Amino acid sequence: MSPQVQCTFCLEDMPGKLVNVAGDKICHACFSTAIKPMFIDALKYEINFAVTWGAAVLDFKIEWRQKRKEYETPFAERTYCKHRFLSRANPRRALIASGVKTAEEVGDKMRECGRFFGTKAETKGRTLTCLRCFGHTYGTCGEPLARDGDGVHECVKPASASKAEEADPLEGMAKGKDYQKCPSCDCVVGLEDGCNTIVCAMPRCRAHFCFICGEKALHSSDHWAAGKPCPRWNQPGAENAFHDEPLVEQGEGEEQELDIHEIFQELINEAQAGAEAAETEDHRVMYADMALLLQLSLQLGIPDRDPDDAGEEGALMRATMQLFMGVGIYARAEFDNVVYLGVRDILAEEVGKVEPADLERYPQFQEVYGRFLATVVRRLAELEGQ
């Protein structure tokens, strides 16, 4: 009889050989239901790359490694197959090889093959054959060629010019109001409401920046201080624009800064009142957990110090701030599985950086994090049952 080994995920004793995930032993059932779906989501959506287990980045088979290379290449440096085919057709029959240039010619929607060939440095000067649609592409400019790929191809315009002349999907939108670009990876983000502190959604980037001007700025910096161009909340010049360290009048000609600890205490009181007045269980738990995390923030000294200067506790401070935003999903049932998985994975990455001793010292964090994970599992189950 084979010895029993405990699964790190479900804590059940299992016979036979378990899957080794970054040093942890995972049973095959847990791997199939909890870990493999993360790879599938990352193959579908770039925002879910990379898959992490604690602080480790996981790797998985050939298809995953190909996607990893694609996602780690800046978008402007990628070469894709641009052969087109009808949305209902087999991609192996690339229409451009038959002379069809536009969707109007066939009266139907068309889509590109989209297979990743490699980086532009790798494909420059080469004629490439797509293994998905068998169309030919010239690697320097990325333009599709005729079926046989014979003859000498002359690029009509350089690759840099072709990009500039393509239709801009952001045309007519105002940068800093309707959208902003991450200063590190150029990922486009929007902001419906909330403060102007942005953390890039791309897990491999996670840059902190200002939604208004697009400059890099940590949440704890003075970028949004009173007298600075960018407000912490809303748009510059708006009546409801709010900067950090607001001033209140104490009398004619006298001003005094609000105490940040008083502001935190007011937020705690509001969250506790929200929990008492909540009409649904999800709202009650959300407000109660927000109050717990705000109290933990005061214990950790978040109002007074930067996580980057807090030593080992800095990781717990960052995870606490991230979890505070994460519990907002409790009362948001309209999200799809991509959002829930994305928020879960971002938090898992942050929690994986926290020292075990700090987690033991502050059990309220583990308590809230456990409820957060349970809520994600419930939401995913509800979506799967729809």
Protein backbone atom coordinates (compact mmCIF):
# COMPACT_ATOMS: atom_id res chain seq x y z
CA MET A 1 0.00 0.00 0.00
CA SER A 2 1.39 3.38 -1.05
CA PRO A 3 2.04 5.92 1.73
CA GLN A 4 -0.46 8.71 2.37
CA VAL A 5 0.59 12.29 1.53
CA GLN A 6 -1.35 15.36 2.66
CA CYS A 7 -2.59 17.71 -0.08
CA THR A 8 -1.52 21.27 0.73
CA PHE A 9 -4.73 22.67 -0.78
CA CYS A 10 -7.54 20.50 0.67
CA LEU A 11 -5.47 19.10 3.59
CA GLU A 12 -6.74 15.57 2.86
CA ASP A 13 -4.38 12.57 3.05
CA MET A 14 -4.05 11.10 -0.45
CA PRO A 15 -2.42 7.88 -1.68
CA GLY A 16 -0.01 7.81 -4.61
CA LYS A 17 1.98 10.53 -6.30
CA LEU A 18 0.75 14.13 -5.95
CA VAL A 19 1.43 17.09 -8.24
CA ASN A 20 4.38 19.24 -7.18
CA VAL A 21 3.35 22.92 -7.40
CA ALA A 22 6.19 25.24 -6.40
CA GLY A 23 7.20 22.81 -3.65
CA ASP A 24 3.65 22.10 -2.42
CA LYS A 25 2.04 18.68 -2.87
CA ILE A 26 -1.37 19.02 -4.56
CA CYS A 27 -3.77 16.15 -5.22
CA HIS A 28 -4.96 15.66 -8.81
CA ALA A 29 -8.54 16.70 -7.99
CA CYS A 30 -7.44 20.04 -6.50
CA PHE A 31 -5.01 20.62 -9.36
CA SER A 32 -7.79 20.09 -11.93
CA THR A 33 -10.37 22.28 -10.17
CA ALA A 34 -8.20 25.03 -8.65
CA ILE A 35 -4.95 25.40 -10.60
CA LYS A 36 -5.52 24.20 -14.15
CA PRO A 37 -8.41 26.72 -14.71
CA MET A 38 -5.98 29.56 -13.94
CA PHE A 39 -3.80 28.45 -16.88
CA ILE A 40 -6.86 28.18 -19.14
CA ASP A 41 -7.96 31.71 -18.20
CA ALA A 42 -4.43 33.03 -18.82
CA LEU A 43 -4.40 31.42 -22.29
CA LYS A 44 -7.68 33.19 -23.11
CA TYR A 45 -7.06 36.58 -21.52
CA GLU A 46 -3.68 38.30 -21.26
CA ILE A 47 -4.76 40.14 -18.10
CA ASN A 48 -4.68 36.80 -16.24
CA PHE A 49 -0.99 36.18 -17.09
CA ALA A 50 1.11 35.07 -15.26
CA VAL A 51 -0.26 32.28 -13.06
CA THR A 52 1.20 32.48 -9.57
CA TRP A 53 1.23 30.22 -6.54
CA GLY A 54 2.24 32.34 -3.60
CA ALA A 55 5.32 34.22 -4.77
CA ALA A 56 6.19 31.63 -7.46
CA VAL A 57 5.36 32.02 -11.17
CA LEU A 58 4.14 28.71 -12.60
CA ASP A 59 4.95 27.21 -16.01
CA PHE A 60 2.88 24.64 -17.92
CA LYS A 61 3.43 22.69 -21.16
CA ILE A 62 4.27 23.91 -24.68
CA GLU A 63 1.11 25.94 -25.44
CA TRP A 64 1.52 27.85 -22.19
CA ARG A 65 5.19 28.58 -22.89
CA GLN A 66 4.26 29.94 -26.33
CA LYS A 67 1.68 32.24 -24.74
CA ARG A 68 4.19 33.26 -22.12
CA LYS A 69 6.60 34.38 -24.83
CA GLU A 70 3.79 36.30 -26.59
CA TYR A 71 2.58 38.08 -23.47
CA GLU A 72 6.10 38.98 -22.33
CA THR A 73 6.78 40.63 -25.70
CA PRO A 74 5.62 44.30 -25.86
CA PHE A 75 2.55 44.50 -28.08
CA ALA A 76 4.26 46.82 -30.59
CA GLU A 77 7.03 44.23 -31.05
CA ARG A 78 4.75 41.26 -31.84
CA THR A 79 4.12 39.79 -35.31
CA TYR A 80 0.74 38.13 -35.90
CA CYS A 81 -0.91 36.37 -38.86
CA LYS A 82 -3.31 38.89 -40.42
CA HIS A 83 -5.01 36.58 -42.92
CA ARG A 84 -8.77 36.99 -42.79
CA PHE A 85 -11.64 34.53 -42.95
CA LEU A 86 -15.40 34.59 -42.41
CA SER A 87 -16.50 34.40 -38.79
CA ARG A 88 -18.35 31.16 -39.55
CA ALA A 89 -15.62 29.71 -41.80
CA ASN A 90 -12.75 27.37 -41.13
CA PRO A 91 -9.63 29.46 -40.39
CA ARG A 92 -7.65 27.10 -42.62
CA ARG A 93 -9.30 28.79 -45.60
CA ALA A 94 -7.75 32.23 -45.36
CA LEU A 95 -9.89 34.45 -47.57
CA ILE A 96 -7.16 36.91 -48.46
CA ALA A 97 -5.40 34.05 -50.25
CA SER A 98 -8.48 33.85 -52.53
CA GLY A 99 -8.48 37.58 -53.25
CA VAL A 100 -11.15 38.67 -50.72
CA LYS A 101 -9.98 41.93 -49.16
CA THR A 102 -12.91 43.31 -47.15
CA ALA A 103 -15.96 42.06 -45.28
CA GLU A 104 -18.20 44.09 -47.62
CA GLU A 105 -17.15 41.93 -50.58
CA VAL A 106 -18.73 38.87 -49.02
CA GLY A 107 -21.45 40.55 -46.95
CA ASP A 108 -20.37 38.95 -43.71
CA LYS A 109 -18.16 39.62 -40.72
CA MET A 110 -14.51 38.73 -41.02
CA ARG A 111 -11.84 38.14 -38.43
CA GLU A 112 -8.10 37.75 -38.48
CA CYS A 113 -6.32 34.46 -37.86
CA GLY A 114 -4.22 36.10 -35.12
CA ARG A 115 -1.61 33.37 -34.65
CA PHE A 116 1.55 34.69 -32.97
CA PHE A 117 4.69 34.24 -35.10
CA GLY A 118 7.24 35.77 -32.75
CA THR A 119 8.96 39.07 -32.12
CA LYS A 120 9.58 41.51 -34.97
CA ALA A 121 13.31 41.04 -34.49
CA GLU A 122 12.87 37.29 -35.07
CA THR A 123 10.55 37.60 -38.10
CA LYS A 124 12.27 40.49 -39.92
CA GLY A 125 13.14 39.62 -43.53
CA ARG A 126 11.42 36.21 -43.42
CA THR A 127 8.36 34.83 -45.22
CA LEU A 128 6.27 33.06 -42.59
CA THR A 129 3.73 30.27 -43.07
CA CYS A 130 0.89 30.07 -40.54
CA LEU A 131 0.24 26.56 -39.21
CA ARG A 132 -3.36 27.53 -38.41
CA CYS A 133 -4.61 28.95 -41.73
CA PHE A 134 -1.60 28.16 -43.99
CA GLY A 135 -1.49 31.79 -45.12
CA HIS A 136 1.84 33.51 -45.82
CA THR A 137 3.04 36.67 -44.06
CA TYR A 138 6.07 38.87 -44.62
CA GLY A 139 7.78 39.22 -41.26
CA THR A 140 9.20 42.73 -41.71
CA CYS A 141 5.93 44.61 -42.16
CA GLY A 142 3.54 41.90 -40.94
CA GLU A 143 1.41 42.13 -44.10
CA PRO A 144 -0.30 38.99 -45.51
CA LEU A 145 0.90 37.63 -48.87
CA ALA A 146 -0.78 35.74 -51.70
CA ARG A 147 -1.43 32.01 -51.40
CA ASP A 148 1.80 30.74 -52.95
CA GLY A 149 4.04 33.34 -51.29
CA ASP A 150 6.23 33.44 -54.42
CA GLY A 151 7.93 36.53 -55.79
CA VAL A 152 9.67 39.44 -54.12
CA HIS A 153 7.58 41.38 -51.63
CA GLU A 154 8.08 45.13 -51.26
CA CYS A 155 6.75 46.74 -48.11
CA VAL A 156 4.44 49.58 -49.12
CA LYS A 157 5.13 51.38 -45.86
CA PRO A 158 7.35 50.70 -42.86
CA ALA A 159 5.87 48.86 -39.92
CA SER A 160 6.04 51.98 -37.73
CA ALA A 161 4.01 53.99 -40.24
CA SER A 162 1.37 51.29 -40.70
CA LYS A 163 0.67 51.32 -36.98
CA ALA A 164 0.23 55.09 -36.94
CA GLU A 165 -2.22 54.98 -39.88
CA GLU A 166 -4.47 52.32 -38.37
CA ALA A 167 -7.76 53.42 -36.84
CA ASP A 168 -7.17 54.52 -33.26
CA PRO A 169 -9.71 52.80 -30.94
CA LEU A 170 -9.20 55.66 -28.45
CA GLU A 171 -9.98 58.38 -30.98
CA GLY A 172 -12.44 60.91 -29.59
CA MET A 173 -11.69 59.92 -25.98
CA ALA A 174 -9.90 62.22 -23.53
CA LYS A 175 -6.75 60.89 -21.88
CA GLY A 176 -6.92 61.39 -18.13
CA LYS A 177 -10.70 61.50 -18.21
CA ASP A 178 -12.03 58.62 -20.34
CA TYR A 179 -8.88 56.49 -20.18
CA GLN A 180 -5.21 56.43 -19.18
CA LYS A 181 -2.19 54.35 -20.20
CA CYS A 182 0.10 52.61 -17.76
CA PRO A 183 3.51 54.38 -17.89
CA SER A 184 5.31 51.03 -17.64
CA CYS A 185 3.50 48.69 -20.07
CA ASP A 186 1.03 50.91 -22.02
CA CYS A 187 -1.97 48.88 -20.77
CA VAL A 188 -5.12 51.01 -21.24
CA VAL A 189 -7.30 51.47 -18.14
CA GLY A 190 -10.59 53.23 -17.43
CA LEU A 191 -12.00 54.63 -14.21
CA GLU A 192 -15.74 54.73 -13.58
CA ASP A 193 -15.47 55.95 -10.01
CA GLY A 194 -13.05 55.84 -7.11
CA CYS A 195 -9.78 57.59 -6.34
CA ASN A 196 -7.26 58.47 -9.06
CA THR A 197 -4.62 56.10 -7.70
CA ILE A 198 -4.28 53.28 -10.24
CA VAL A 199 -2.49 49.93 -9.95
CA CYS A 200 -1.89 48.40 -13.39
CA ALA A 201 -4.17 45.41 -13.92
CA MET A 202 -1.45 43.42 -15.70
CA PRO A 203 -0.05 41.00 -13.06
CA ARG A 204 3.45 41.12 -14.54
CA CYS A 205 3.50 44.94 -14.29
CA ARG A 206 1.53 46.21 -11.25
CA ALA A 207 2.86 49.76 -11.65
CA HIS A 208 1.30 52.48 -9.47
CA PHE A 209 0.33 55.68 -11.28
CA CYS A 210 -2.05 58.64 -11.46
CA PHE A 211 -5.16 58.31 -13.65
CA ILE A 212 -5.21 62.05 -14.38
CA CYS A 213 -1.67 62.68 -15.67
CA GLY A 214 -0.37 59.12 -16.13
CA GLU A 215 2.77 59.68 -14.05
CA LYS A 216 4.09 56.97 -11.71
CA ALA A 217 2.97 57.66 -8.14
CA LEU A 218 2.53 55.49 -5.05
CA HIS A 219 -0.73 55.65 -3.11
CA SER A 220 1.15 57.07 -0.12
CA SER A 221 3.01 59.78 -2.06
CA ASP A 222 2.17 63.50 -2.03
CA HIS A 223 1.22 63.45 -5.73
CA TRP A 224 -2.40 64.31 -4.86
CA ALA A 225 -1.65 66.77 -2.03
CA ALA A 226 -3.44 70.09 -1.70
CA GLY A 227 -1.97 72.59 -4.16
CA LYS A 228 -0.88 69.88 -6.65
CA PRO A 229 -2.49 69.69 -10.15
CA CYS A 230 -4.05 66.22 -9.72
CA PRO A 231 -6.81 65.67 -7.13
CA ARG A 232 -7.09 62.34 -5.33
CA TRP A 233 -10.78 62.13 -6.26
CA ASN A 234 -12.60 63.29 -9.43
CA GLN A 235 -11.38 65.61 -12.16
CA PRO A 236 -9.20 68.75 -11.80
CA GLY A 237 -11.32 71.88 -11.47
CA ALA A 238 -14.52 69.98 -10.66
CA GLU A 239 -16.62 71.12 -7.71
CA ASN A 240 -16.19 67.71 -6.09
CA ALA A 241 -12.42 67.50 -6.72
CA PHE A 242 -10.69 66.38 -3.52
CA HIS A 243 -6.98 66.59 -2.67
CA ASP A 244 -5.11 64.96 0.19
CA GLU A 245 -4.64 66.81 3.48
CA PRO A 246 -7.74 68.98 3.16
CA LEU A 247 -7.89 72.17 5.20
CA VAL A 248 -10.82 73.24 7.38
CA GLU A 249 -11.44 76.80 8.50
CA GLN A 250 -11.05 77.44 12.21
CA GLY A 251 -11.76 81.13 12.00
CA GLU A 252 -11.00 84.06 9.78
CA GLY A 253 -7.45 83.75 8.49
CA GLU A 254 -6.84 80.48 10.40
CA GLU A 255 -6.54 77.02 8.89
CA GLN A 256 -5.68 73.67 10.39
CA GLU A 257 -4.91 70.31 8.81
CA LEU A 258 -7.30 67.44 9.56
CA ASP A 259 -5.71 64.63 11.54
CA ILE A 260 -5.39 61.54 9.33
CA HIS A 261 -6.15 59.26 12.30
CA GLU A 262 -9.44 61.09 12.84
CA ILE A 263 -10.31 60.52 9.18
CA PHE A 264 -9.60 56.79 9.53
CA GLN A 265 -11.75 56.63 12.66
CA GLU A 266 -14.61 58.36 10.85
CA LEU A 267 -14.31 55.81 8.03
CA ILE A 268 -14.39 52.98 10.58
CA ASN A 269 -17.54 54.45 12.16
CA GLU A 270 -19.19 54.80 8.73
CA ALA A 271 -18.33 51.20 7.82
CA GLN A 272 -19.71 49.89 11.11
CA ALA A 273 -22.89 51.92 10.62
CA GLY A 274 -23.17 50.55 7.09
CA ALA A 275 -22.94 46.99 8.44
CA GLU A 276 -25.75 47.66 10.93
CA ALA A 277 -27.99 49.23 8.29
CA ALA A 278 -27.25 46.73 5.50
CA GLU A 279 -30.26 45.12 3.86
CA THR A 280 -28.40 42.06 2.54
CA GLU A 281 -25.90 39.69 4.13
CA ASP A 282 -23.31 40.42 1.42
CA HIS A 283 -23.46 44.16 2.17
CA ARG A 284 -23.30 43.55 5.93
CA VAL A 285 -20.18 41.37 5.65
CA MET A 286 -18.57 43.79 3.20
CA TYR A 287 -18.93 46.79 5.53
CA ALA A 288 -17.90 44.76 8.60
CA ASP A 289 -14.74 43.54 6.85
CA MET A 290 -13.94 47.07 5.68
CA ALA A 291 -14.14 48.23 9.30
CA LEU A 292 -11.79 45.41 10.38
CA LEU A 293 -9.26 46.26 7.67
CA LEU A 294 -9.35 49.97 8.53
CA GLN A 295 -8.67 49.11 12.17
CA LEU A 296 -5.80 46.86 11.06
CA SER A 297 -4.49 49.74 8.93
CA LEU A 298 -4.27 51.91 12.04
CA GLN A 299 -2.49 49.12 13.92
CA LEU A 300 0.05 48.77 11.11
CA GLY A 301 0.59 52.52 10.97
CA ILE A 302 -0.49 52.84 7.33
CA PRO A 303 -1.53 56.51 7.76
CA ASP A 304 1.96 57.43 8.97
CA ARG A 305 4.46 55.42 6.93
CA ASP A 306 5.17 54.17 3.45
CA PRO A 307 5.04 50.36 2.97
CA ASP A 308 8.36 50.58 1.11
CA ASP A 309 10.00 51.92 4.28
CA ALA A 310 8.26 49.54 6.71
CA GLY A 311 10.58 46.54 6.39
CA GLU A 312 8.98 43.11 6.53
CA GLU A 313 5.60 44.55 7.62
CA GLY A 314 5.48 46.49 4.34
CA ALA A 315 4.23 43.38 2.52
CA LEU A 316 1.33 43.00 4.98
CA MET A 317 0.52 46.71 4.61
CA ARG A 318 0.29 46.38 0.82
CA ALA A 319 -1.78 43.19 1.11
CA THR A 320 -4.15 44.91 3.57
CA MET A 321 -4.74 47.84 1.19
CA GLN A 322 -5.29 45.42 -1.70
CA LEU A 323 -7.71 43.30 0.35
CA PHE A 324 -9.66 46.44 1.34
CA MET A 325 -10.38 47.01 -2.36
CA GLY A 326 -11.02 43.31 -2.93
CA VAL A 327 -13.86 42.97 -0.40
CA GLY A 328 -15.84 45.37 -2.57
CA ILE A 329 -16.76 42.40 -4.79
CA TYR A 330 -18.98 40.98 -2.02
CA ALA A 331 -21.87 43.19 -3.14
CA ARG A 332 -21.10 43.20 -6.89
CA ALA A 333 -22.80 40.14 -8.42
CA GLU A 334 -22.63 41.53 -11.98
CA PHE A 335 -18.94 40.76 -12.52
CA ASP A 336 -17.86 37.87 -14.74
CA ASN A 337 -15.41 35.11 -13.80
CA VAL A 338 -12.46 37.03 -15.33
CA VAL A 339 -12.86 39.81 -12.75
CA TYR A 340 -13.23 37.45 -9.79
CA LEU A 341 -10.24 35.34 -10.84
CA GLY A 342 -8.16 38.42 -11.58
CA VAL A 343 -8.82 40.02 -8.17
CA ARG A 344 -8.20 36.68 -6.44
CA ASP A 345 -4.87 36.12 -8.21
CA ILE A 346 -3.65 39.67 -7.56
CA LEU A 347 -4.40 39.27 -3.86
CA ALA A 348 -2.81 35.80 -3.76
CA GLU A 349 0.37 37.31 -5.18
CA GLU A 350 0.44 40.01 -2.48
CA VAL A 351 -0.41 37.61 0.36
CA GLY A 352 2.33 35.25 -0.83
CA LYS A 353 4.89 37.97 -0.06
CA VAL A 354 3.76 38.36 3.58
CA GLU A 355 5.90 36.77 6.30
CA PRO A 356 4.06 33.89 8.09
CA ALA A 357 4.92 35.48 11.45
CA ASP A 358 3.06 38.67 10.44
CA LEU A 359 -0.01 36.65 9.43
CA GLU A 360 0.01 34.96 12.84
CA ARG A 361 0.44 38.31 14.58
CA TYR A 362 -2.61 39.80 12.86
CA PRO A 363 -5.27 37.03 12.68
CA GLN A 364 -7.96 39.52 11.57
CA PHE A 365 -6.26 39.70 8.18
CA GLN A 366 -6.48 35.92 7.73
CA GLU A 367 -10.10 36.03 8.87
CA VAL A 368 -11.09 38.58 6.22
CA TYR A 369 -8.94 36.95 3.53
CA GLY A 370 -10.66 33.61 4.20
CA ARG A 371 -14.09 35.19 3.72
CA PHE A 372 -12.89 36.87 0.54
CA LEU A 373 -11.72 33.54 -0.95
CA ALA A 374 -14.97 31.84 0.06
CA THR A 375 -16.95 34.62 -1.64
CA VAL A 376 -14.96 34.22 -4.87
CA VAL A 377 -15.60 30.46 -4.87
CA ARG A 378 -19.33 31.06 -4.33
CA ARG A 379 -19.54 33.66 -7.10
CA LEU A 380 -17.71 31.38 -9.56
CA ALA A 381 -20.07 28.50 -8.68
CA GLU A 382 -23.09 30.79 -9.24
CA LEU A 383 -21.75 31.86 -12.64
CA GLU A 384 -21.08 28.27 -13.65
CA GLY A 385 -24.66 27.35 -12.75
CA GLN A 386 -26.20 30.11 -14.89
